[in-house]
Amino acid sequence: MSDNIQLFEDQPIRTAWDEEKEEWYFSVVDVVRVLTDSKDPLAYWRKLKQRLRGEGNETVTNCHALKMTAADGKKRMTDVADTEQLLRIIQSIPSPKAEPFKLWLAQVGRERIEETIDPERAIDRALETYLKKGYSEEWVHQRLLAIRIRNELTDEWQRRGVEKGKEYAILTDEITRAWSGMTTRQYKNLKGLKKENLRDNMSDLELVLTMLSEATTKEISVVQQPETFEENIRVARSGGQVAGNARKEIEELTGRSVITAKNAPQLNTIVTGLIEGISEETENE
């Protein structure tokens, strides 16, 4: 894990990327300094942390410290928070600069409640979000189909007793390795991705082969009805190999690799950022 610098309103925020957990960590003191303009952000954070603990807030309890490079160039232990923890902390900061984030969080919460009542809203919102990011309508409809196929596969895994989380990730890796020759992490590294969704950064052919591998895995599972996790692994490999064979045939006929190192900005010229989106939505309301 190495620390980096990101800018918010032209002010530095120290960050660290955990490749194993695929999680960004942010220096809480730096965020407090930016949002409050406090002359002593460390003292501000200590006082806020004490108040949050008194309220029984588990966010602060779960925050941990990492060694980060200080202004003098030396490494010092610094309180950090992941994205979820950081947004919860921001909610507790009384500052005009924090208001856009609070409004955005309230809007997201409302949308999720609406989607629970009417799941079709989630599909409509996904379609709208992809189009705003610059994807073509054809790609978006294909991506939504990929989501449906993925959900059908995970429903099948659930019926076979596969546990969400680690076991889902292991089976996904087996499928991905069987058709592409790489694990999911290796594939993301090839495209220069960190937290981003791999499928959102695939070309048409990559996405089609991903759908083929998962749809085939699901059909094999329905027929063979695996009872153990090891049997599910063998089914996942078989499903991936079907798409892997298709990939090899395509590459032999075209003379070009199906796997590309290009990511979404390169494939679709995406320039929309999260902060910009929040600001625009806030201004338009």
C-alpha atoms as a PDB file:
ATOM      1  CA  MET A   1       0.000   0.000   0.000  1.00  0.00           C
ATOM      2  CA  SER A   2       1.444   3.374  -1.021  1.00  0.00           C
ATOM      3  CA  ASP A   3       0.200   6.892  -0.309  1.00  0.00           C
ATOM      4  CA  ASN A   4      -0.589   9.420  -3.023  1.00  0.00           C
ATOM      5  CA  ILE A   5      -1.893  12.952  -3.316  1.00  0.00           C
ATOM      6  CA  GLN A   6      -5.276  13.870  -4.788  1.00  0.00           C
ATOM      7  CA  LEU A   7      -6.605  17.391  -5.118  1.00  0.00           C
ATOM      8  CA  PHE A   8      -9.949  18.759  -3.953  1.00  0.00           C
ATOM      9  CA  GLU A   9     -10.562  22.460  -4.632  1.00  0.00           C
ATOM     10  CA  ASP A  10      -6.824  22.696  -5.429  1.00  0.00           C
ATOM     11  CA  GLN A  11      -5.933  21.478  -1.958  1.00  0.00           C
ATOM     12  CA  PRO A  12      -4.025  18.240  -1.362  1.00  0.00           C
ATOM     13  CA  ILE A  13      -5.704  15.171   0.139  1.00  0.00           C
ATOM     14  CA  ARG A  14      -3.422  12.271   1.024  1.00  0.00           C
ATOM     15  CA  THR A  15      -4.788   8.928  -0.152  1.00  0.00           C
ATOM     16  CA  ALA A  16      -3.726   5.290  -0.110  1.00  0.00           C
ATOM     17  CA  TRP A  17      -4.911   2.436  -2.330  1.00  0.00           C
ATOM     18  CA  ASP A  18      -5.252  -1.076  -0.871  1.00  0.00           C
ATOM     19  CA  GLU A  19      -5.026  -3.403  -3.879  1.00  0.00           C
ATOM     20  CA  GLU A  20      -6.050  -6.507  -1.924  1.00  0.00           C
ATOM     21  CA  LYS A  21      -9.251  -4.907  -0.586  1.00  0.00           C
ATOM     22  CA  GLU A  22      -9.679  -2.700  -3.672  1.00  0.00           C
ATOM     23  CA  GLU A  23     -10.359   0.267  -1.416  1.00  0.00           C
ATOM     24  CA  TRP A  24      -9.234   3.897  -1.281  1.00  0.00           C
ATOM     25  CA  TYR A  25      -8.304   5.373   2.106  1.00  0.00           C
ATOM     26  CA  PHE A  26      -8.293   9.128   2.732  1.00  0.00           C
ATOM     27  CA  SER A  27      -6.494  11.181   5.356  1.00  0.00           C
ATOM     28  CA  VAL A  28      -9.285  12.413   7.622  1.00  0.00           C
ATOM     29  CA  VAL A  29      -7.267  15.394   8.846  1.00  0.00           C
ATOM     30  CA  ASP A  30      -6.702  16.569   5.267  1.00  0.00           C
ATOM     31  CA  VAL A  31     -10.427  16.349   4.471  1.00  0.00           C
ATOM     32  CA  VAL A  32     -11.281  18.220   7.687  1.00  0.00           C
ATOM     33  CA  ARG A  33      -8.774  20.943   6.757  1.00  0.00           C
ATOM     34  CA  VAL A  34     -10.326  21.390   3.307  1.00  0.00           C
ATOM     35  CA  LEU A  35     -13.962  21.400   4.465  1.00  0.00           C
ATOM     36  CA  THR A  36     -13.569  23.540   7.596  1.00  0.00           C
ATOM     37  CA  ASP A  37     -10.616  25.856   6.844  1.00  0.00           C
ATOM     38  CA  SER A  38      -9.580  25.147  10.430  1.00  0.00           C
ATOM     39  CA  LYS A  39      -6.201  26.500  11.519  1.00  0.00           C
ATOM     40  CA  ASP A  40      -5.701  23.311  13.552  1.00  0.00           C
ATOM     41  CA  PRO A  41      -7.477  20.491  11.656  1.00  0.00           C
ATOM     42  CA  LEU A  42      -5.878  17.823  13.858  1.00  0.00           C
ATOM     43  CA  ALA A  43      -7.423  19.355  17.003  1.00  0.00           C
ATOM     44  CA  TYR A  44     -10.743  19.735  15.160  1.00  0.00           C
ATOM     45  CA  TRP A  45     -10.686  16.056  14.173  1.00  0.00           C
ATOM     46  CA  ARG A  46      -9.788  14.930  17.709  1.00  0.00           C
ATOM     47  CA  LYS A  47     -12.720  16.878  19.132  1.00  0.00           C
ATOM     48  CA  LEU A  48     -15.093  15.603  16.426  1.00  0.00           C
ATOM     49  CA  LYS A  49     -13.880  12.037  16.956  1.00  0.00           C
ATOM     50  CA  GLN A  50     -14.502  12.316  20.695  1.00  0.00           C
ATOM     51  CA  ARG A  51     -18.034  13.620  20.098  1.00  0.00           C
ATOM     52  CA  LEU A  52     -18.853  10.894  17.584  1.00  0.00           C
ATOM     53  CA  ARG A  53     -17.589   8.202  19.950  1.00  0.00           C
ATOM     54  CA  GLY A  54     -19.782   9.652  22.678  1.00  0.00           C
ATOM     55  CA  GLU A  55     -22.757   9.290  20.341  1.00  0.00           C
ATOM     56  CA  GLY A  56     -21.900   5.623  19.811  1.00  0.00           C
ATOM     57  CA  ASN A  57     -20.811   6.176  16.216  1.00  0.00           C
ATOM     58  CA  GLU A  58     -19.038   3.012  15.019  1.00  0.00           C
ATOM     59  CA  THR A  59     -17.550   4.833  12.026  1.00  0.00           C
ATOM     60  CA  VAL A  60     -14.883   6.445  14.199  1.00  0.00           C
ATOM     61  CA  THR A  61     -14.184   3.221  16.085  1.00  0.00           C
ATOM     62  CA  ASN A  62     -13.560   1.374  12.809  1.00  0.00           C
ATOM     63  CA  CYS A  63     -11.229   4.038  11.413  1.00  0.00           C
ATOM     64  CA  HIS A  64      -7.594   2.995  11.502  1.00  0.00           C
ATOM     65  CA  ALA A  65      -4.247   4.670  10.935  1.00  0.00           C
ATOM     66  CA  LEU A  66      -1.716   4.337   8.127  1.00  0.00           C
ATOM     67  CA  LYS A  67       1.749   5.775   7.645  1.00  0.00           C
ATOM     68  CA  MET A  68       1.477   8.706   5.264  1.00  0.00           C
ATOM     69  CA  THR A  69       3.985  11.270   4.057  1.00  0.00           C
ATOM     70  CA  ALA A  70       3.717  14.513   6.063  1.00  0.00           C
ATOM     71  CA  ALA A  71       4.541  18.025   4.846  1.00  0.00           C
ATOM     72  CA  ASP A  72       8.139  17.614   6.044  1.00  0.00           C
ATOM     73  CA  GLY A  73       8.558  14.473   3.935  1.00  0.00           C
ATOM     74  CA  LYS A  74       8.536  12.086   6.898  1.00  0.00           C
ATOM     75  CA  LYS A  75       6.161   9.139   7.273  1.00  0.00           C
ATOM     76  CA  ARG A  76       3.755   9.482  10.198  1.00  0.00           C
ATOM     77  CA  MET A  77       0.741   7.516  11.406  1.00  0.00           C
ATOM     78  CA  THR A  78      -2.401   9.259  10.176  1.00  0.00           C
ATOM     79  CA  ASP A  79      -6.084   8.497  10.769  1.00  0.00           C
ATOM     80  CA  VAL A  80      -7.663   7.321   7.511  1.00  0.00           C
ATOM     81  CA  ALA A  81     -11.187   6.443   6.406  1.00  0.00           C
ATOM     82  CA  ASP A  82     -12.564   4.480   3.482  1.00  0.00           C
ATOM     83  CA  THR A  83     -15.223   6.054   1.263  1.00  0.00           C
ATOM     84  CA  GLU A  84     -18.196   4.975   3.371  1.00  0.00           C
ATOM     85  CA  GLN A  85     -16.573   6.067   6.631  1.00  0.00           C
ATOM     86  CA  LEU A  86     -15.498   9.372   5.116  1.00  0.00           C
ATOM     87  CA  LEU A  87     -18.996  10.237   3.896  1.00  0.00           C
ATOM     88  CA  ARG A  88     -20.373   9.476   7.364  1.00  0.00           C
ATOM     89  CA  ILE A  89     -17.768  11.776   8.942  1.00  0.00           C
ATOM     90  CA  ILE A  90     -18.581  14.544   6.435  1.00  0.00           C
ATOM     91  CA  GLN A  91     -22.224  14.340   7.506  1.00  0.00           C
ATOM     92  CA  SER A  92     -21.101  15.388  10.998  1.00  0.00           C
ATOM     93  CA  ILE A  93     -19.105  18.429   9.854  1.00  0.00           C
ATOM     94  CA  PRO A  94     -21.079  21.708  10.035  1.00  0.00           C
ATOM     95  CA  SER A  95     -19.598  23.492   7.042  1.00  0.00           C
ATOM     96  CA  PRO A  96     -20.982  25.111   3.851  1.00  0.00           C
ATOM     97  CA  LYS A  97     -18.403  23.141   1.867  1.00  0.00           C
ATOM     98  CA  ALA A  98     -19.858  19.890   3.202  1.00  0.00           C
ATOM     99  CA  GLU A  99     -23.436  20.756   2.201  1.00  0.00           C
ATOM    100  CA  PRO A 100     -23.200  19.530  -1.444  1.00  0.00           C
ATOM    101  CA  PHE A 101     -22.106  16.121  -0.164  1.00  0.00           C
ATOM    102  CA  LYS A 102     -24.923  16.021   2.391  1.00  0.00           C
ATOM    103  CA  LEU A 103     -27.500  16.956  -0.254  1.00  0.00           C
ATOM    104  CA  TRP A 104     -26.122  14.302  -2.575  1.00  0.00           C
ATOM    105  CA  LEU A 105     -26.229  11.631   0.164  1.00  0.00           C
ATOM    106  CA  ALA A 106     -29.841  12.545   0.960  1.00  0.00           C
ATOM    107  CA  GLN A 107     -30.735  12.289  -2.728  1.00  0.00           C
ATOM    108  CA  VAL A 108     -29.016   8.906  -3.086  1.00  0.00           C
ATOM    109  CA  GLY A 109     -30.826   7.631   0.010  1.00  0.00           C
ATOM    110  CA  ARG A 110     -34.175   8.732  -1.404  1.00  0.00           C
ATOM    111  CA  GLU A 111     -33.406   7.067  -4.735  1.00  0.00           C
ATOM    112  CA  ARG A 112     -32.471   3.760  -3.099  1.00  0.00           C
ATOM    113  CA  ILE A 113     -35.735   3.730  -1.127  1.00  0.00           C
ATOM    114  CA  GLU A 114     -37.661   4.400  -4.343  1.00  0.00           C
ATOM    115  CA  GLU A 115     -35.797   1.579  -6.104  1.00  0.00           C
ATOM    116  CA  THR A 116     -36.660  -0.836  -3.292  1.00  0.00           C
ATOM    117  CA  ILE A 117     -40.348  -0.024  -3.758  1.00  0.00           C
ATOM    118  CA  ASP A 118     -40.139  -0.048  -7.575  1.00  0.00           C
ATOM    119  CA  PRO A 119     -37.058  -1.977  -8.893  1.00  0.00           C
ATOM    120  CA  GLU A 120     -37.715  -0.741 -12.440  1.00  0.00           C
ATOM    121  CA  ARG A 121     -36.492   2.682 -11.289  1.00  0.00           C
ATOM    122  CA  ALA A 122     -33.032   1.170 -10.716  1.00  0.00           C
ATOM    123  CA  ILE A 123     -32.888   0.065 -14.360  1.00  0.00           C
ATOM    124  CA  ASP A 124     -34.026   3.475 -15.602  1.00  0.00           C
ATOM    125  CA  ARG A 125     -31.491   5.223 -13.376  1.00  0.00           C
ATOM    126  CA  ALA A 126     -28.670   2.937 -14.529  1.00  0.00           C
ATOM    127  CA  LEU A 127     -29.556   3.666 -18.157  1.00  0.00           C
ATOM    128  CA  GLU A 128     -29.580   7.414 -17.503  1.00  0.00           C
ATOM    129  CA  THR A 129     -26.269   7.297 -15.608  1.00  0.00           C
ATOM    130  CA  TYR A 130     -24.433   5.393 -18.342  1.00  0.00           C
ATOM    131  CA  LEU A 131     -25.722   7.758 -21.036  1.00  0.00           C
ATOM    132  CA  LYS A 132     -24.610  10.796 -18.975  1.00  0.00           C
ATOM    133  CA  LYS A 133     -21.133   9.286 -18.772  1.00  0.00           C
ATOM    134  CA  GLY A 134     -20.878   9.171 -22.541  1.00  0.00           C
ATOM    135  CA  TYR A 135     -21.600   5.543 -23.386  1.00  0.00           C
ATOM    136  CA  SER A 136     -23.540   4.797 -26.583  1.00  0.00           C
ATOM    137  CA  GLU A 137     -27.132   3.550 -26.310  1.00  0.00           C
ATOM    138  CA  GLU A 138     -26.142   0.276 -27.991  1.00  0.00           C
ATOM    139  CA  TRP A 139     -23.395  -0.356 -25.429  1.00  0.00           C
ATOM    140  CA  VAL A 140     -25.685   0.558 -22.534  1.00  0.00           C
ATOM    141  CA  HIS A 141     -28.398  -1.914 -23.580  1.00  0.00           C
ATOM    142  CA  GLN A 142     -25.725  -4.584 -23.893  1.00  0.00           C
ATOM    143  CA  ARG A 143     -24.376  -3.686 -20.440  1.00  0.00           C
ATOM    144  CA  LEU A 144     -27.861  -3.946 -18.899  1.00  0.00           C
ATOM    145  CA  LEU A 145     -28.248  -7.376 -20.513  1.00  0.00           C
ATOM    146  CA  ALA A 146     -24.914  -8.363 -18.954  1.00  0.00           C
ATOM    147  CA  ILE A 147     -26.247  -7.301 -15.552  1.00  0.00           C
ATOM    148  CA  ARG A 148     -29.336  -9.502 -16.016  1.00  0.00           C
ATOM    149  CA  ILE A 149     -27.205 -12.489 -17.032  1.00  0.00           C
ATOM    150  CA  ARG A 150     -24.912 -11.922 -14.050  1.00  0.00           C
ATOM    151  CA  ASN A 151     -27.916 -11.788 -11.692  1.00  0.00           C
ATOM    152  CA  GLU A 152     -29.254 -15.051 -13.117  1.00  0.00           C
ATOM    153  CA  LEU A 153     -25.873 -16.667 -12.458  1.00  0.00           C
ATOM    154  CA  THR A 154     -25.651 -15.391  -8.874  1.00  0.00           C
ATOM    155  CA  ASP A 155     -29.240 -16.567  -8.266  1.00  0.00           C
ATOM    156  CA  GLU A 156     -28.130 -20.021  -9.420  1.00  0.00           C
ATOM    157  CA  TRP A 157     -25.075 -19.868  -7.141  1.00  0.00           C
ATOM    158  CA  GLN A 158     -27.323 -18.963  -4.243  1.00  0.00           C
ATOM    159  CA  ARG A 159     -29.495 -22.013  -4.961  1.00  0.00           C
ATOM    160  CA  ARG A 160     -26.339 -24.152  -4.896  1.00  0.00           C
ATOM    161  CA  GLY A 161     -25.342 -22.827  -1.484  1.00  0.00           C
ATOM    162  CA  VAL A 162     -22.470 -20.622  -2.660  1.00  0.00           C
ATOM    163  CA  GLU A 163     -21.803 -17.817  -0.164  1.00  0.00           C
ATOM    164  CA  LYS A 164     -21.846 -14.191  -1.274  1.00  0.00           C
ATOM    165  CA  GLY A 165     -18.602 -12.293  -1.076  1.00  0.00           C
ATOM    166  CA  LYS A 166     -15.425 -14.361  -1.126  1.00  0.00           C
ATOM    167  CA  GLU A 167     -16.888 -17.474  -2.785  1.00  0.00           C
ATOM    168  CA  TYR A 168     -18.635 -15.397  -5.478  1.00  0.00           C
ATOM    169  CA  ALA A 169     -15.297 -13.657  -6.127  1.00  0.00           C
ATOM    170  CA  ILE A 170     -13.427 -16.972  -6.389  1.00  0.00           C
ATOM    171  CA  LEU A 171     -15.911 -18.378  -8.909  1.00  0.00           C
ATOM    172  CA  THR A 172     -15.855 -15.135 -10.902  1.00  0.00           C
ATOM    173  CA  ASP A 173     -12.060 -15.333 -11.020  1.00  0.00           C
ATOM    174  CA  GLU A 174     -12.266 -18.912 -12.300  1.00  0.00           C
ATOM    175  CA  ILE A 175     -14.659 -17.896 -15.079  1.00  0.00           C
ATOM    176  CA  THR A 176     -12.587 -14.834 -16.022  1.00  0.00           C
ATOM    177  CA  ARG A 177      -9.310 -16.772 -16.029  1.00  0.00           C
ATOM    178  CA  ALA A 178     -10.810 -19.558 -18.145  1.00  0.00           C
ATOM    179  CA  TRP A 179     -11.973 -17.244 -20.941  1.00  0.00           C
ATOM    180  CA  SER A 180      -9.449 -14.385 -20.795  1.00  0.00           C
ATOM    181  CA  GLY A 181      -6.346 -16.028 -19.336  1.00  0.00           C
ATOM    182  CA  MET A 182      -6.304 -13.566 -16.416  1.00  0.00           C
ATOM    183  CA  THR A 183      -7.847 -13.191 -12.988  1.00  0.00           C
ATOM    184  CA  THR A 184     -10.211 -10.277 -12.443  1.00  0.00           C
ATOM    185  CA  ARG A 185      -7.465  -8.320 -10.650  1.00  0.00           C
ATOM    186  CA  GLN A 186      -4.940  -8.954 -13.417  1.00  0.00           C
ATOM    187  CA  TYR A 187      -7.529  -7.883 -15.997  1.00  0.00           C
ATOM    188  CA  LYS A 188      -8.194  -4.642 -14.083  1.00  0.00           C
ATOM    189  CA  ASN A 189      -4.458  -3.984 -13.770  1.00  0.00           C
ATOM    190  CA  LEU A 190      -4.098  -4.380 -17.538  1.00  0.00           C
ATOM    191  CA  LYS A 191      -6.694  -1.650 -18.032  1.00  0.00           C
ATOM    192  CA  GLY A 192      -5.223   0.562 -15.319  1.00  0.00           C
ATOM    193  CA  LEU A 193      -8.297   0.245 -13.082  1.00  0.00           C
ATOM    194  CA  LYS A 194      -8.583   0.387  -9.322  1.00  0.00           C
ATOM    195  CA  LYS A 195     -12.064   0.779  -7.822  1.00  0.00           C
ATOM    196  CA  GLU A 196     -13.775   1.027 -11.224  1.00  0.00           C
ATOM    197  CA  ASN A 197     -16.039  -1.762 -12.472  1.00  0.00           C
ATOM    198  CA  LEU A 198     -14.204  -3.980 -14.966  1.00  0.00           C
ATOM    199  CA  ARG A 199     -17.272  -4.555 -17.141  1.00  0.00           C
ATOM    200  CA  ASP A 200     -17.847  -0.808 -17.465  1.00  0.00           C
ATOM    201  CA  ASN A 201     -14.426  -0.660 -19.105  1.00  0.00           C
ATOM    202  CA  MET A 202     -14.857  -3.486 -21.614  1.00  0.00           C
ATOM    203  CA  SER A 203     -15.175  -3.319 -25.365  1.00  0.00           C
ATOM    204  CA  ASP A 204     -18.218  -4.855 -27.078  1.00  0.00           C
ATOM    205  CA  LEU A 205     -16.428  -8.163 -27.702  1.00  0.00           C
ATOM    206  CA  GLU A 206     -15.037  -8.377 -24.172  1.00  0.00           C
ATOM    207  CA  LEU A 207     -18.502  -7.789 -22.751  1.00  0.00           C
ATOM    208  CA  VAL A 208     -20.134 -10.317 -25.098  1.00  0.00           C
ATOM    209  CA  LEU A 209     -17.626 -13.015 -24.129  1.00  0.00           C
ATOM    210  CA  THR A 210     -18.145 -12.224 -20.450  1.00  0.00           C
ATOM    211  CA  MET A 211     -21.894 -12.703 -20.927  1.00  0.00           C
ATOM    212  CA  LEU A 212     -21.315 -15.952 -22.840  1.00  0.00           C
ATOM    213  CA  SER A 213     -19.073 -17.320 -20.089  1.00  0.00           C
ATOM    214  CA  GLU A 214     -21.556 -16.506 -17.317  1.00  0.00           C
ATOM    215  CA  ALA A 215     -24.654 -17.621 -19.213  1.00  0.00           C
ATOM    216  CA  THR A 216     -22.927 -20.921 -20.053  1.00  0.00           C
ATOM    217  CA  THR A 217     -21.798 -21.397 -16.448  1.00  0.00           C
ATOM    218  CA  LYS A 218     -25.362 -20.913 -15.264  1.00  0.00           C
ATOM    219  CA  GLU A 219     -26.774 -23.431 -17.785  1.00  0.00           C
ATOM    220  CA  ILE A 220     -24.146 -26.056 -16.895  1.00  0.00           C
ATOM    221  CA  SER A 221     -24.906 -25.553 -13.211  1.00  0.00           C
ATOM    222  CA  VAL A 222     -28.652 -26.002 -13.785  1.00  0.00           C
ATOM    223  CA  VAL A 223     -27.993 -29.316 -15.558  1.00  0.00           C
ATOM    224  CA  GLN A 224     -25.213 -30.693 -13.346  1.00  0.00           C
ATOM    225  CA  GLN A 225     -26.541 -29.326 -10.019  1.00  0.00           C
ATOM    226  CA  PRO A 226     -23.182 -29.067  -8.195  1.00  0.00           C
ATOM    227  CA  GLU A 227     -23.432 -29.760  -4.467  1.00  0.00           C
ATOM    228  CA  THR A 228     -20.000 -28.717  -3.210  1.00  0.00           C
ATOM    229  CA  PHE A 229     -17.919 -25.582  -3.725  1.00  0.00           C
ATOM    230  CA  GLU A 230     -15.262 -27.613  -5.554  1.00  0.00           C
ATOM    231  CA  GLU A 231     -17.936 -28.824  -7.973  1.00  0.00           C
ATOM    232  CA  ASN A 232     -19.047 -25.209  -8.500  1.00  0.00           C
ATOM    233  CA  ILE A 233     -15.434 -24.298  -9.310  1.00  0.00           C
ATOM    234  CA  ARG A 234     -15.291 -27.003 -11.996  1.00  0.00           C
ATOM    235  CA  VAL A 235     -18.567 -25.742 -13.466  1.00  0.00           C
ATOM    236  CA  ALA A 236     -17.240 -22.165 -13.498  1.00  0.00           C
ATOM    237  CA  ARG A 237     -14.100 -23.273 -15.336  1.00  0.00           C
ATOM    238  CA  SER A 238     -16.177 -25.175 -17.888  1.00  0.00           C
ATOM    239  CA  GLY A 239     -18.401 -22.173 -18.567  1.00  0.00           C
ATOM    240  CA  GLY A 240     -15.403 -19.901 -18.932  1.00  0.00           C
ATOM    241  CA  GLN A 241     -13.644 -22.309 -21.272  1.00  0.00           C
ATOM    242  CA  VAL A 242     -16.569 -22.174 -23.717  1.00  0.00           C
ATOM    243  CA  ALA A 243     -16.093 -18.408 -24.057  1.00  0.00           C
ATOM    244  CA  GLY A 244     -12.317 -18.897 -24.050  1.00  0.00           C
ATOM    245  CA  ASN A 245     -12.580 -21.170 -27.080  1.00  0.00           C
ATOM    246  CA  ALA A 246     -14.758 -18.575 -28.816  1.00  0.00           C
ATOM    247  CA  ARG A 247     -12.158 -15.886 -28.044  1.00  0.00           C
ATOM    248  CA  LYS A 248      -9.366 -17.970 -29.582  1.00  0.00           C
ATOM    249  CA  GLU A 249     -11.398 -18.595 -32.744  1.00  0.00           C
ATOM    250  CA  ILE A 250     -12.175 -14.880 -33.100  1.00  0.00           C
ATOM    251  CA  GLU A 251      -8.491 -14.012 -32.655  1.00  0.00           C
ATOM    252  CA  GLU A 252      -7.428 -16.610 -35.243  1.00  0.00           C
ATOM    253  CA  LEU A 253      -9.899 -15.209 -37.786  1.00  0.00           C
ATOM    254  CA  THR A 254      -9.139 -11.538 -37.150  1.00  0.00           C
ATOM    255  CA  GLY A 255      -5.466 -11.737 -36.278  1.00  0.00           C
ATOM    256  CA  ARG A 256      -6.100  -9.389 -33.363  1.00  0.00           C
ATOM    257  CA  SER A 257      -6.409  -9.873 -29.611  1.00  0.00           C
ATOM    258  CA  VAL A 258      -9.912  -9.606 -28.170  1.00  0.00           C
ATOM    259  CA  ILE A 259      -8.455  -8.485 -24.830  1.00  0.00           C
ATOM    260  CA  THR A 260      -7.676  -4.783 -24.810  1.00  0.00           C
ATOM    261  CA  ALA A 261      -5.829  -2.597 -22.326  1.00  0.00           C
ATOM    262  CA  LYS A 262      -8.156   0.283 -23.140  1.00  0.00           C
ATOM    263  CA  ASN A 263     -10.487   1.490 -20.398  1.00  0.00           C
ATOM    264  CA  ALA A 264     -13.729   3.470 -20.473  1.00  0.00           C
ATOM    265  CA  PRO A 265     -12.206   6.951 -20.987  1.00  0.00           C
ATOM    266  CA  GLN A 266     -10.243   5.608 -23.927  1.00  0.00           C
ATOM    267  CA  LEU A 267     -13.135   3.564 -25.317  1.00  0.00           C
ATOM    268  CA  ASN A 268     -15.844   6.189 -24.844  1.00  0.00           C
ATOM    269  CA  THR A 269     -14.042   9.510 -24.150  1.00  0.00           C
ATOM    270  CA  ILE A 270     -15.653   9.860 -20.715  1.00  0.00           C
ATOM    271  CA  VAL A 271     -14.875  13.121 -18.905  1.00  0.00           C
ATOM    272  CA  THR A 272     -17.609  13.293 -16.291  1.00  0.00           C
ATOM    273  CA  GLY A 273     -16.406  13.135 -12.672  1.00  0.00           C
ATOM    274  CA  LEU A 274     -18.320  12.368  -9.492  1.00  0.00           C
ATOM    275  CA  ILE A 275     -17.729  15.787  -7.907  1.00  0.00           C
ATOM    276  CA  GLU A 276     -18.709  17.589 -11.119  1.00  0.00           C
ATOM    277  CA  GLY A 277     -21.897  15.532 -11.296  1.00  0.00           C
ATOM    278  CA  ILE A 278     -22.786  16.368  -7.713  1.00  0.00           C
ATOM    279  CA  SER A 279     -22.187  20.081  -8.324  1.00  0.00           C
ATOM    280  CA  GLU A 280     -24.276  20.135 -11.507  1.00  0.00           C
ATOM    281  CA  GLU A 281     -27.216  18.319  -9.887  1.00  0.00           C
ATOM    282  CA  THR A 282     -27.085  20.668  -6.896  1.00  0.00           C
ATOM    283  CA  GLU A 283     -27.033  23.761  -9.136  1.00  0.00           C
ATOM    284  CA  ASN A 284     -29.947  22.519 -11.268  1.00  0.00           C
ATOM    285  CA  GLU A 285     -32.254  21.778  -8.314  1.00  0.00           C
END
